[in-house]
């Protein structure tokens, strides 16, 4: 990807080194990087590149998964997107979105029920079980390095559970959800940004 603004030129070598060791959390050699990012963020080409990467890595795969499961509601489809960002979309990792979906399907299979909405299961029922599976994974992940931070992020799931309780499965431009402190917030989407489902 071209570096149109040159804001990151001085960091490219160090970033390439860190990319080779994805378990290295060092920030050595990155002094001033946040300022460069802030400057670059004003460049529409940079913002478009970020959106393209997010679409390729997270949005498109999450919506393909939603389609495979037969998920139709904005809330369920949004949950797939939120989950793939935090958990990743690559099986067979225990903490990945596909692995959590497998555990959700197994729950219904073991009860002799349809496994997914595509198979005839009520979508809200499937989503509620998935959220329980995800909550368990957040506080008991296979990757112990993520346990503390992930368990603190369970408010993300509680917000979806709250939206279900408030009958928001098919929200359009307004959503009642919970913030990180468990307080209700009203989210309003800009209608011009609403796309069509994949």
Protein backbone atom coordinates (compact mmCIF):
# COMPACT_ATOMS: atom_id res chain seq x y z
CA UNK A 1 0.00 0.00 0.00
CA UNK A 2 1.50 3.36 -0.95
CA UNK A 3 2.46 5.73 1.83
CA UNK A 4 0.91 8.84 0.26
CA UNK A 5 1.64 11.22 3.11
CA UNK A 6 5.03 9.79 4.07
CA UNK A 7 4.03 10.09 7.75
CA UNK A 8 5.18 6.53 8.44
CA UNK A 9 8.43 6.42 6.46
CA UNK A 10 10.66 6.53 9.54
CA UNK A 11 8.71 3.63 11.13
CA UNK A 12 8.47 1.19 8.22
CA UNK A 13 11.65 -0.77 9.01
CA UNK A 14 10.74 -1.15 12.69
CA UNK A 15 7.15 -2.10 11.88
CA UNK A 16 8.39 -4.76 9.45
CA UNK A 17 10.62 -6.19 12.20
CA UNK A 18 7.71 -6.31 14.63
CA UNK A 19 5.50 -7.91 11.99
CA UNK A 20 7.90 -10.86 11.82
CA UNK A 21 7.39 -11.48 15.55
CA UNK A 22 3.65 -11.12 16.14
CA UNK A 23 4.03 -11.90 19.84
CA UNK A 24 6.34 -8.92 20.39
CA UNK A 25 4.54 -6.03 22.07
CA UNK A 26 7.59 -3.75 22.08
CA UNK A 27 7.13 -0.10 21.20
CA UNK A 28 10.89 0.51 20.93
CA UNK A 29 11.66 2.60 17.87
CA UNK A 30 8.11 3.91 17.55
CA UNK A 31 8.40 7.23 19.39
CA UNK A 32 6.12 9.75 17.68
CA UNK A 33 4.10 7.06 15.90
CA UNK A 34 0.80 8.17 17.46
CA UNK A 35 1.37 11.71 16.23
CA UNK A 36 2.14 10.42 12.75
CA UNK A 37 -1.06 8.37 12.85
CA UNK A 38 -3.06 11.42 13.93
CA UNK A 39 -1.63 13.43 11.04
CA UNK A 40 -2.27 10.62 8.55
CA UNK A 41 -5.83 10.20 9.81
CA UNK A 42 -6.71 13.53 8.22
CA UNK A 43 -5.84 12.10 4.82
CA UNK A 44 -8.97 10.64 3.15
CA UNK A 45 -6.85 8.12 1.23
CA UNK A 46 -5.47 6.79 4.52
CA UNK A 47 -8.98 6.54 6.00
CA UNK A 48 -10.21 4.70 2.90
CA UNK A 49 -7.29 2.29 3.17
CA UNK A 50 -8.18 1.56 6.79
CA UNK A 51 -11.78 0.86 5.85
CA UNK A 52 -10.68 -1.41 3.00
CA UNK A 53 -8.50 -3.44 5.36
CA UNK A 54 -11.26 -3.64 7.98
CA UNK A 55 -13.72 -4.79 5.32
CA UNK A 56 -11.34 -7.42 3.97
CA UNK A 57 -10.22 -8.79 7.33
CA UNK A 58 -13.38 -8.50 9.39
CA UNK A 59 -16.58 -7.15 7.86
CA UNK A 60 -16.84 -9.27 4.72
CA UNK A 61 -15.84 -12.56 6.43
CA UNK A 62 -18.19 -11.88 9.36
CA UNK A 63 -21.11 -11.24 7.05
CA UNK A 64 -20.33 -14.37 5.03
CA UNK A 65 -20.47 -16.31 8.30
CA UNK A 66 -23.77 -14.61 9.17
CA UNK A 67 -25.15 -15.64 5.77
CA UNK A 68 -24.00 -19.25 6.26
CA UNK A 69 -25.79 -19.34 9.62
CA UNK A 70 -28.94 -17.73 8.24
CA UNK A 71 -28.64 -14.64 10.46
CA UNK A 72 -30.85 -11.85 9.15
CA UNK A 73 -31.23 -9.28 11.94
CA UNK A 74 -28.87 -6.32 12.26
CA UNK A 75 -28.14 -7.21 15.89
CA UNK A 76 -27.05 -10.79 15.12
CA UNK A 77 -25.03 -9.72 12.10
CA UNK A 78 -23.42 -6.97 14.16
CA UNK A 79 -22.49 -9.51 16.81
CA UNK A 80 -20.63 -11.58 14.21
CA UNK A 81 -18.66 -8.47 13.21
CA UNK A 82 -17.88 -7.55 16.81
CA UNK A 83 -16.83 -11.12 17.59
CA UNK A 84 -14.53 -11.57 14.60
CA UNK A 85 -12.71 -8.35 15.48
CA UNK A 86 -12.02 -9.48 19.05
CA UNK A 87 -11.68 -13.25 18.61
CA UNK A 88 -10.46 -13.64 15.05
CA UNK A 89 -12.03 -15.64 12.29
CA UNK A 90 -9.59 -18.49 11.95
CA UNK A 91 -10.45 -21.97 13.09
CA UNK A 92 -9.32 -24.17 14.78
CA UNK A 93 -8.26 -21.77 17.54
CA UNK A 94 -10.51 -22.37 20.57
CA UNK A 95 -11.15 -18.65 21.10
CA UNK A 96 -11.99 -17.89 17.45
CA UNK A 97 -15.41 -16.96 16.12
CA UNK A 98 -15.74 -20.26 14.17
CA UNK A 99 -14.92 -22.25 17.32
CA UNK A 100 -17.54 -20.37 19.36
CA UNK A 101 -20.08 -20.98 16.60
CA UNK A 102 -19.20 -24.69 16.69
CA UNK A 103 -19.82 -24.80 20.44
CA UNK A 104 -23.13 -22.97 19.97
CA UNK A 105 -24.20 -25.42 17.28
CA UNK A 106 -23.17 -28.37 19.46
CA UNK A 107 -25.39 -27.10 22.28
CA UNK A 108 -28.48 -27.22 20.05
CA UNK A 109 -27.42 -30.47 18.33
CA UNK A 110 -27.07 -32.18 21.72
CA UNK A 111 -30.62 -31.09 22.53
CA UNK A 112 -31.91 -32.53 19.27
CA UNK A 113 -32.78 -29.09 17.90
CA UNK A 114 -31.92 -27.30 14.68
CA UNK A 115 -28.39 -25.91 15.01
CA UNK A 116 -28.78 -22.57 13.27
CA UNK A 117 -31.43 -20.15 12.03
CA UNK A 118 -30.70 -21.43 8.52
CA UNK A 119 -31.83 -24.86 9.78
CA UNK A 120 -35.01 -23.41 11.29
CA UNK A 121 -33.90 -22.33 14.77
CA UNK A 122 -35.36 -19.02 16.01
CA UNK A 123 -32.63 -16.41 15.44
CA UNK A 124 -32.96 -14.75 18.84
CA UNK A 125 -32.63 -18.15 20.56
CA UNK A 126 -29.44 -18.86 18.62
CA UNK A 127 -27.98 -15.43 19.36
CA UNK A 128 -28.76 -15.66 23.08
CA UNK A 129 -26.89 -19.00 23.31
CA UNK A 130 -23.99 -17.64 21.25
CA UNK A 131 -23.69 -14.68 23.63
CA UNK A 132 -23.46 -17.09 26.59
CA UNK A 133 -20.75 -19.06 24.78
CA UNK A 134 -18.87 -15.84 24.04
CA UNK A 135 -19.18 -14.62 27.63
CA UNK A 136 -17.71 -17.90 28.85
CA UNK A 137 -14.90 -17.62 26.32
CA UNK A 138 -14.10 -14.04 27.33
CA UNK A 139 -13.58 -15.01 30.96
CA UNK A 140 -12.11 -18.49 30.32
CA UNK A 141 -10.16 -18.23 27.05
CA UNK A 142 -7.72 -20.90 25.95
CA UNK A 143 -5.16 -18.12 25.52
CA UNK A 144 -4.49 -17.17 29.14
CA UNK A 145 -2.61 -14.05 28.04
CA UNK A 146 -5.93 -12.48 27.04
CA UNK A 147 -7.94 -13.58 30.10
CA UNK A 148 -7.82 -10.42 32.21
CA UNK A 149 -8.43 -7.92 29.41
CA UNK A 150 -11.06 -10.07 27.73
CA UNK A 151 -13.03 -10.70 30.90
CA UNK A 152 -13.11 -6.94 31.49
CA UNK A 153 -14.64 -6.55 28.02
CA UNK A 154 -17.69 -8.71 28.77
CA UNK A 155 -19.68 -5.46 28.76
CA UNK A 156 -19.61 -5.76 24.95
CA UNK A 157 -21.70 -8.91 25.21
CA UNK A 158 -23.93 -7.51 27.95
CA UNK A 159 -24.77 -4.63 25.64
CA UNK A 160 -26.05 -7.06 23.00
CA UNK A 161 -28.00 -8.98 25.65
CA UNK A 162 -29.57 -5.72 26.77
CA UNK A 163 -30.51 -4.84 23.20
CA UNK A 164 -32.24 -8.22 22.86
CA UNK A 165 -34.11 -7.61 26.11
CA UNK A 166 -35.25 -4.24 24.75
CA UNK A 167 -36.48 -5.93 21.55
CA UNK A 168 -33.83 -4.32 19.37
CA UNK A 169 -32.97 -7.32 17.14
CA UNK A 170 -34.18 -5.44 14.05
CA UNK A 171 -32.98 -1.96 14.93
CA UNK A 172 -32.58 0.44 12.03
CA UNK A 173 -31.00 3.80 12.85
CA UNK A 174 -31.45 3.82 16.64
CA UNK A 175 -30.24 1.30 19.19
CA UNK A 176 -30.58 1.17 22.96
CA UNK A 177 -27.50 -0.52 24.38
CA UNK A 178 -25.20 -0.40 27.42
CA UNK A 179 -21.93 1.44 27.80
CA UNK A 180 -18.91 -0.08 29.56
CA UNK A 181 -20.32 1.00 32.93
CA UNK A 182 -23.61 -0.81 32.33
CA UNK A 183 -25.62 2.37 31.77
CA UNK A 184 -28.11 2.66 28.93
CA UNK A 185 -27.00 4.67 25.94
CA UNK A 186 -28.94 5.53 22.82
CA UNK A 187 -26.94 5.12 19.66
CA UNK A 188 -28.12 6.85 16.55
CA UNK A 189 -26.74 5.84 13.18
CA UNK A 190 -26.36 8.22 10.29
CA UNK A 191 -28.83 6.84 7.77
CA UNK A 192 -26.59 7.84 4.87
CA UNK A 193 -23.94 5.43 6.17
CA UNK A 194 -26.29 2.45 6.29
CA UNK A 195 -25.34 -0.05 3.60
CA UNK A 196 -27.19 -3.06 2.35
CA UNK A 197 -26.61 -6.49 3.80
CA UNK A 198 -24.18 -8.72 1.96
